[in-house]
Amino acid sequence: MEHRRLTDRIARMPTNDRALIGTFLAGSLVTLLIGVVAGSLVALTRGGAMAPEPDTGYRLLTSHGISAFFFWLYLAQAGLLLCLAAAHARPQPAVAWRPLAWIGCAIMILGFAATQAGTWLGTPLLYDADPDLAQDDRTNAFLIYAGYLALALGLGLGALSALATAIVGKSENGGKPWSAVTFGAVAWAGLILVSSFAIVNAFLPAALWSIGAGPRPADHSTGWHILFHNLHYLPLMGTVLIWYALMRDMTGARSVFGERFSKIVFALYLIFVPPTSLYHMFLEPGLAPLVRALGSVLSLFVGVP
């Protein structure tokens, strides 16, 4: 199975699996297009070629940030993760727990629609959706928070489907060790799950506050910094794994250190990246000196990836 080209393995996938992956990727391209259009209009405004109302300008900026930093990247990653897991983990390439992945895809797309509705109907909150900006318009702010929570749930369901695919594949292969690509996909899915929890940690308190079910979040910026950090390194890990897989596929080259070394590198990425988020919070006025010192030390781990 390992000697087959990736394109050949994808061609052997069931039609429903190819449709699933294609839907994730098509959704990512649509959200990217929206983000590019909004970003271009922001650039024209900053350049003086346009002069929209202030609220409209900030709505464009919010739409651009949410589309380009969140949804297009993570719809694409969910699709590519499922593609690599299905193609490399199983003798007959296929996605395990396919309905779960379909539900995740639908939830992410609905989440994107909710964030855009909240952006254009209510107060533009920018992409970090700070509750301080939503004091007078909690209803539409809730749409943005709900959209982000839908992103977290959809990502998590897609990652669980990828993990199930790898585990089923291991059973079908008689318990043989995962290939480096499959192991890397499992580590990538693990970091996606960490990031999904980070999204919930950042936006669930704000969502509850917006509907009157909880107090106004006192540490929204801290939760945002943790999320921001993980979402920066998540696509980097995916890029490294895709390069690794494509290099093997297109050239036949293998690591001179062997697959075990590659697996160790992918595992270290998952171990070292999440804790380094503390260095994003150095400017927080309430950060304890001990936490600042710990963050300084952990920031050195950024060199590992």
Protein backbone atom coordinates (compact mmCIF):
# COMPACT_ATOMS: atom_id res chain seq x y z
CA MET A 1 0.00 0.00 0.00
CA GLU A 2 2.83 2.41 0.85
CA HIS A 3 4.37 2.24 -2.63
CA ARG A 4 1.25 3.53 -4.35
CA ARG A 5 1.15 7.19 -5.31
CA LEU A 6 -1.16 9.41 -3.27
CA THR A 7 -3.28 10.19 -6.32
CA ASP A 8 -3.78 6.46 -6.91
CA ARG A 9 -4.84 5.92 -3.30
CA ILE A 10 -7.28 8.83 -3.48
CA ALA A 11 -8.75 7.39 -6.69
CA ARG A 12 -9.42 4.12 -4.81
CA MET A 13 -11.43 5.87 -2.09
CA PRO A 14 -15.22 5.42 -2.07
CA THR A 15 -17.11 8.14 -3.91
CA ASN A 16 -18.66 9.37 -0.66
CA ASP A 17 -15.21 9.89 0.87
CA ARG A 18 -13.97 11.88 -2.10
CA ALA A 19 -17.16 13.95 -1.95
CA LEU A 20 -16.59 14.57 1.78
CA ILE A 21 -13.01 15.74 1.28
CA GLY A 22 -14.04 17.78 -1.74
CA THR A 23 -16.76 19.51 0.28
CA PHE A 24 -14.28 20.49 2.99
CA LEU A 25 -11.88 21.86 0.37
CA ALA A 26 -14.61 23.64 -1.63
CA GLY A 27 -15.89 25.25 1.56
CA SER A 28 -12.38 26.41 2.38
CA LEU A 29 -11.99 28.03 -1.05
CA VAL A 30 -15.33 29.84 -0.76
CA THR A 31 -14.42 31.26 2.64
CA LEU A 32 -10.97 32.19 1.32
CA LEU A 33 -12.56 34.07 -1.59
CA ILE A 34 -14.81 36.00 0.82
CA GLY A 35 -11.78 36.78 2.98
CA VAL A 36 -9.76 37.97 -0.01
CA VAL A 37 -12.57 40.23 -1.26
CA ALA A 38 -13.09 41.74 2.20
CA GLY A 39 -9.34 42.17 2.69
CA SER A 40 -8.97 43.84 -0.70
CA LEU A 41 -11.71 46.32 0.17
CA VAL A 42 -9.97 47.04 3.48
CA ALA A 43 -6.72 47.69 1.60
CA LEU A 44 -8.51 50.05 -0.81
CA THR A 45 -10.00 51.87 2.17
CA ARG A 46 -6.63 52.23 3.86
CA GLY A 47 -5.17 53.45 0.58
CA GLY A 48 -7.80 56.18 0.25
CA ALA A 49 -9.53 54.71 -2.79
CA MET A 50 -12.70 54.07 -0.79
CA ALA A 51 -14.37 55.88 2.10
CA PRO A 52 -17.04 53.61 3.61
CA GLU A 53 -18.83 54.38 6.85
CA PRO A 54 -16.67 53.50 9.87
CA ASP A 55 -18.91 50.58 10.86
CA THR A 56 -18.75 49.22 7.31
CA GLY A 57 -14.96 49.43 7.30
CA TYR A 58 -14.73 47.51 10.56
CA ARG A 59 -17.26 44.97 9.33
CA LEU A 60 -15.06 44.35 6.29
CA LEU A 61 -12.03 43.97 8.56
CA THR A 62 -13.92 41.57 10.85
CA SER A 63 -15.21 39.51 7.92
CA HIS A 64 -11.71 39.33 6.46
CA GLY A 65 -10.15 38.23 9.76
CA ILE A 66 -12.73 35.57 10.53
CA SER A 67 -12.72 34.20 6.96
CA ALA A 68 -9.00 34.27 6.27
CA PHE A 69 -7.55 33.39 9.69
CA PHE A 70 -10.15 30.92 10.89
CA PHE A 71 -12.53 29.21 8.53
CA TRP A 72 -10.65 28.78 5.27
CA LEU A 73 -7.55 27.45 7.03
CA TYR A 74 -9.42 24.97 9.18
CA LEU A 75 -11.90 23.69 6.61
CA ALA A 76 -8.88 22.99 4.39
CA GLN A 77 -6.95 21.32 7.21
CA ALA A 78 -9.87 19.06 8.14
CA GLY A 79 -10.17 17.92 4.53
CA LEU A 80 -6.44 17.34 4.05
CA LEU A 81 -6.14 15.53 7.38
CA LEU A 82 -8.92 13.12 6.44
CA CYS A 83 -7.35 12.64 3.01
CA LEU A 84 -3.92 11.71 4.41
CA ALA A 85 -5.36 9.50 7.14
CA ALA A 86 -7.62 7.58 4.76
CA ALA A 87 -5.01 7.26 2.02
CA HIS A 88 -2.11 6.10 4.18
CA ALA A 89 -3.64 4.28 7.15
CA ARG A 90 -5.83 1.65 5.52
CA PRO A 91 -5.15 -1.09 2.92
CA GLN A 92 -8.35 -0.03 1.15
CA PRO A 93 -8.32 3.79 1.51
CA ALA A 94 -11.49 4.99 3.22
CA VAL A 95 -12.62 7.38 5.95
CA ALA A 96 -13.82 5.77 9.18
CA TRP A 97 -16.80 7.26 10.99
CA ARG A 98 -17.72 9.12 7.80
CA PRO A 99 -21.09 10.45 9.09
CA LEU A 100 -19.24 12.12 11.97
CA ALA A 101 -16.97 13.93 9.52
CA TRP A 102 -19.96 14.99 7.38
CA ILE A 103 -21.67 16.41 10.46
CA GLY A 104 -18.47 18.24 11.37
CA CYS A 105 -18.23 19.74 7.88
CA ALA A 106 -21.86 20.91 7.96
CA ILE A 107 -21.44 22.42 11.42
CA MET A 108 -18.32 24.35 10.35
CA ILE A 109 -20.09 25.78 7.31
CA LEU A 110 -23.09 26.79 9.43
CA GLY A 111 -20.67 28.33 11.92
CA PHE A 112 -19.11 30.44 9.19
CA ALA A 113 -22.55 31.65 8.12
CA ALA A 114 -23.35 32.57 11.74
CA THR A 115 -20.15 34.61 12.15
CA GLN A 116 -20.81 36.51 8.94
CA ALA A 117 -24.41 37.22 9.94
CA GLY A 118 -23.28 38.52 13.33
CA THR A 119 -20.62 40.66 11.67
CA TRP A 120 -22.93 42.36 9.16
CA LEU A 121 -26.03 42.67 11.34
CA GLY A 122 -24.44 43.83 14.58
CA THR A 123 -21.48 45.62 16.06
CA PRO A 124 -18.23 44.63 14.29
CA LEU A 125 -16.13 42.92 16.97
CA LEU A 126 -12.98 42.18 14.92
CA TYR A 127 -11.78 38.60 14.81
CA ASP A 128 -11.00 38.27 18.51
CA ALA A 129 -14.64 39.19 19.31
CA ASP A 130 -13.83 41.00 22.55
CA PRO A 131 -16.95 41.16 24.78
CA ASP A 132 -16.06 44.76 25.68
CA LEU A 133 -17.17 45.74 22.18
CA ALA A 134 -20.45 43.85 22.45
CA GLN A 135 -21.96 45.55 25.49
CA ASP A 136 -24.80 47.13 23.51
CA ASP A 137 -25.42 44.35 20.99
CA ARG A 138 -25.22 40.99 22.70
CA THR A 139 -27.69 39.24 20.40
CA ASN A 140 -25.61 39.60 17.24
CA ALA A 141 -22.43 39.03 19.21
CA PHE A 142 -23.86 35.66 20.20
CA LEU A 143 -24.01 34.72 16.51
CA ILE A 144 -20.25 35.25 16.24
CA TYR A 145 -19.53 33.33 19.43
CA ALA A 146 -21.85 30.51 18.35
CA GLY A 147 -20.08 30.41 14.97
CA TYR A 148 -16.72 30.02 16.65
CA LEU A 149 -18.05 27.26 18.89
CA ALA A 150 -19.42 25.52 15.79
CA LEU A 151 -15.93 25.76 14.29
CA ALA A 152 -14.52 24.05 17.39
CA LEU A 153 -17.12 21.28 17.30
CA GLY A 154 -16.75 20.68 13.56
CA LEU A 155 -12.95 20.58 13.77
CA GLY A 156 -13.14 18.18 16.69
CA LEU A 157 -15.50 15.82 14.88
CA GLY A 158 -13.28 15.82 11.79
CA ALA A 159 -10.21 15.08 13.91
CA LEU A 160 -12.01 12.22 15.69
CA SER A 161 -12.93 10.72 12.32
CA ALA A 162 -9.27 10.91 11.25
CA LEU A 163 -8.14 9.26 14.50
CA ALA A 164 -10.72 6.51 14.03
CA THR A 165 -9.45 6.00 10.48
CA ALA A 166 -5.89 5.51 11.73
CA ILE A 167 -6.98 3.11 14.50
CA VAL A 168 -9.15 1.04 12.15
CA GLY A 169 -6.29 0.95 9.67
CA LYS A 170 -3.92 -0.39 12.30
CA SER A 171 -6.34 -3.22 13.02
CA GLU A 172 -6.76 -3.98 9.32
CA ASN A 173 -2.97 -4.09 8.91
CA GLY A 174 -2.64 -6.71 11.62
CA GLY A 175 -1.36 -4.31 14.26
CA LYS A 176 1.67 -3.22 12.25
CA PRO A 177 3.21 0.14 13.27
CA TRP A 178 1.80 3.22 11.60
CA SER A 179 3.81 4.75 8.80
CA ALA A 180 5.42 8.12 9.55
CA VAL A 181 2.70 9.87 7.52
CA THR A 182 -0.11 8.15 9.44
CA PHE A 183 1.62 8.86 12.76
CA GLY A 184 2.03 12.50 11.72
CA ALA A 185 -1.68 12.66 10.82
CA VAL A 186 -2.55 11.33 14.28
CA ALA A 187 -0.34 13.98 15.90
CA TRP A 188 -1.93 16.65 13.67
CA ALA A 189 -5.38 15.45 14.72
CA GLY A 190 -4.24 15.69 18.34
CA LEU A 191 -3.18 19.31 17.91
CA ILE A 192 -6.51 20.05 16.19
CA LEU A 193 -8.33 18.66 19.23
CA VAL A 194 -6.18 20.83 21.52
CA SER A 195 -7.06 23.85 19.38
CA SER A 196 -10.76 22.94 19.45
CA PHE A 197 -10.68 23.00 23.24
CA ALA A 198 -8.81 26.33 23.07
CA ILE A 199 -11.63 27.78 20.93
CA VAL A 200 -14.22 26.63 23.46
CA ASN A 201 -12.13 28.02 26.33
CA ALA A 202 -11.91 31.40 24.58
CA PHE A 203 -15.50 31.84 23.38
CA LEU A 204 -17.86 29.73 25.51
CA PRO A 205 -17.80 32.17 28.48
CA ALA A 206 -18.50 35.06 26.10
CA ALA A 207 -21.33 33.12 24.45
CA LEU A 208 -22.95 32.40 27.82
CA TRP A 209 -22.54 36.05 28.85
CA SER A 210 -24.13 37.26 25.60
CA ILE A 211 -27.36 35.36 26.34
CA GLY A 212 -27.40 36.30 30.02
CA ALA A 213 -26.35 32.85 31.25
CA GLY A 214 -23.05 33.90 32.81
CA PRO A 215 -20.91 36.85 33.93
CA ARG A 216 -18.91 38.99 31.53
CA PRO A 217 -15.60 37.18 30.92
CA ALA A 218 -12.82 38.75 32.99
CA ASP A 219 -9.96 37.05 31.14
CA HIS A 220 -11.11 36.91 27.52
CA SER A 221 -7.76 38.17 26.25
CA THR A 222 -5.90 35.34 28.02
CA GLY A 223 -8.11 32.70 26.42
CA TRP A 224 -7.69 34.47 23.07
CA HIS A 225 -3.87 34.46 23.33
CA ILE A 226 -3.84 30.71 24.04
CA LEU A 227 -6.12 30.10 21.06
CA PHE A 228 -4.21 32.52 18.82
CA HIS A 229 -0.95 30.71 19.51
CA ASN A 230 -2.27 27.23 18.76
CA LEU A 231 -4.05 28.34 15.60
CA HIS A 232 -0.81 29.85 14.30
CA TYR A 233 1.18 26.63 14.65
CA LEU A 234 -1.60 24.24 13.62
CA PRO A 235 -1.40 25.00 9.87
CA LEU A 236 2.40 24.97 10.11
CA MET A 237 2.31 21.39 11.38
CA GLY A 238 -0.09 20.47 8.58
CA THR A 239 2.20 22.08 6.02
CA VAL A 240 5.23 20.15 7.28
CA LEU A 241 3.34 16.86 7.17
CA ILE A 242 1.98 17.52 3.67
CA TRP A 243 5.46 18.43 2.42
CA TYR A 244 6.78 15.23 3.98
CA ALA A 245 4.09 13.12 2.32
CA LEU A 246 4.42 14.81 -1.08
CA MET A 247 8.21 14.56 -1.08
CA ARG A 248 7.95 10.82 -0.55
CA ASP A 249 5.23 10.56 -3.16
CA MET A 250 6.85 12.64 -5.90
CA THR A 251 10.52 11.70 -5.48
CA GLY A 252 10.53 8.44 -3.55
CA ALA A 253 12.95 10.01 -1.07
CA ARG A 254 12.90 8.84 2.55
CA SER A 255 14.40 10.35 5.68
CA VAL A 256 18.02 9.30 6.12
CA PHE A 257 17.26 8.93 9.85
CA GLY A 258 14.37 6.51 9.30
CA GLU A 259 10.67 6.64 10.04
CA ARG A 260 11.13 6.35 13.80
CA PHE A 261 13.01 9.65 13.86
CA SER A 262 10.24 11.31 11.80
CA LYS A 263 7.65 10.03 14.27
CA ILE A 264 9.65 11.47 17.19
CA VAL A 265 9.76 14.87 15.45
CA PHE A 266 5.98 14.89 14.89
CA ALA A 267 5.41 13.89 18.52
CA LEU A 268 7.73 16.64 19.79
CA TYR A 269 5.81 19.19 17.79
CA LEU A 270 2.60 18.24 19.57
CA ILE A 271 4.35 18.27 22.98
CA PHE A 272 6.23 21.55 22.65
CA VAL A 273 3.85 23.84 20.76
CA PRO A 274 0.81 24.24 23.08
CA PRO A 275 2.75 25.22 26.26
CA THR A 276 4.62 28.03 24.51
CA SER A 277 1.40 30.07 24.26
CA LEU A 278 2.31 31.90 27.49
CA TYR A 279 4.74 34.22 25.73
CA HIS A 280 1.82 35.86 23.90
CA MET A 281 0.58 37.20 27.23
CA PHE A 282 3.68 39.14 28.33
CA LEU A 283 1.86 42.48 27.98
CA GLU A 284 -1.08 41.44 30.15
CA PRO A 285 -0.93 43.75 33.20
CA GLY A 286 -2.28 41.15 35.62
CA LEU A 287 0.16 38.42 34.67
CA ALA A 288 2.04 37.13 37.73
CA PRO A 289 5.87 37.43 37.67
CA LEU A 290 6.20 33.65 38.02
CA VAL A 291 4.02 33.12 34.96
CA ARG A 292 6.09 35.68 33.03
CA ALA A 293 9.27 33.83 33.94
CA LEU A 294 7.75 30.47 32.99
CA GLY A 295 6.52 31.92 29.71
CA SER A 296 10.03 33.23 28.96
CA VAL A 297 11.49 29.76 29.41
CA LEU A 298 8.73 28.02 27.46
CA SER A 299 9.08 30.52 24.59
CA LEU A 300 12.45 28.93 23.83
CA PHE A 301 10.57 25.81 22.70
CA VAL A 302 9.32 27.77 19.67
CA GLY A 303 12.67 26.86 18.13
CA VAL A 304 11.75 23.17 18.14
CA PRO A 305 9.24 23.28 15.23
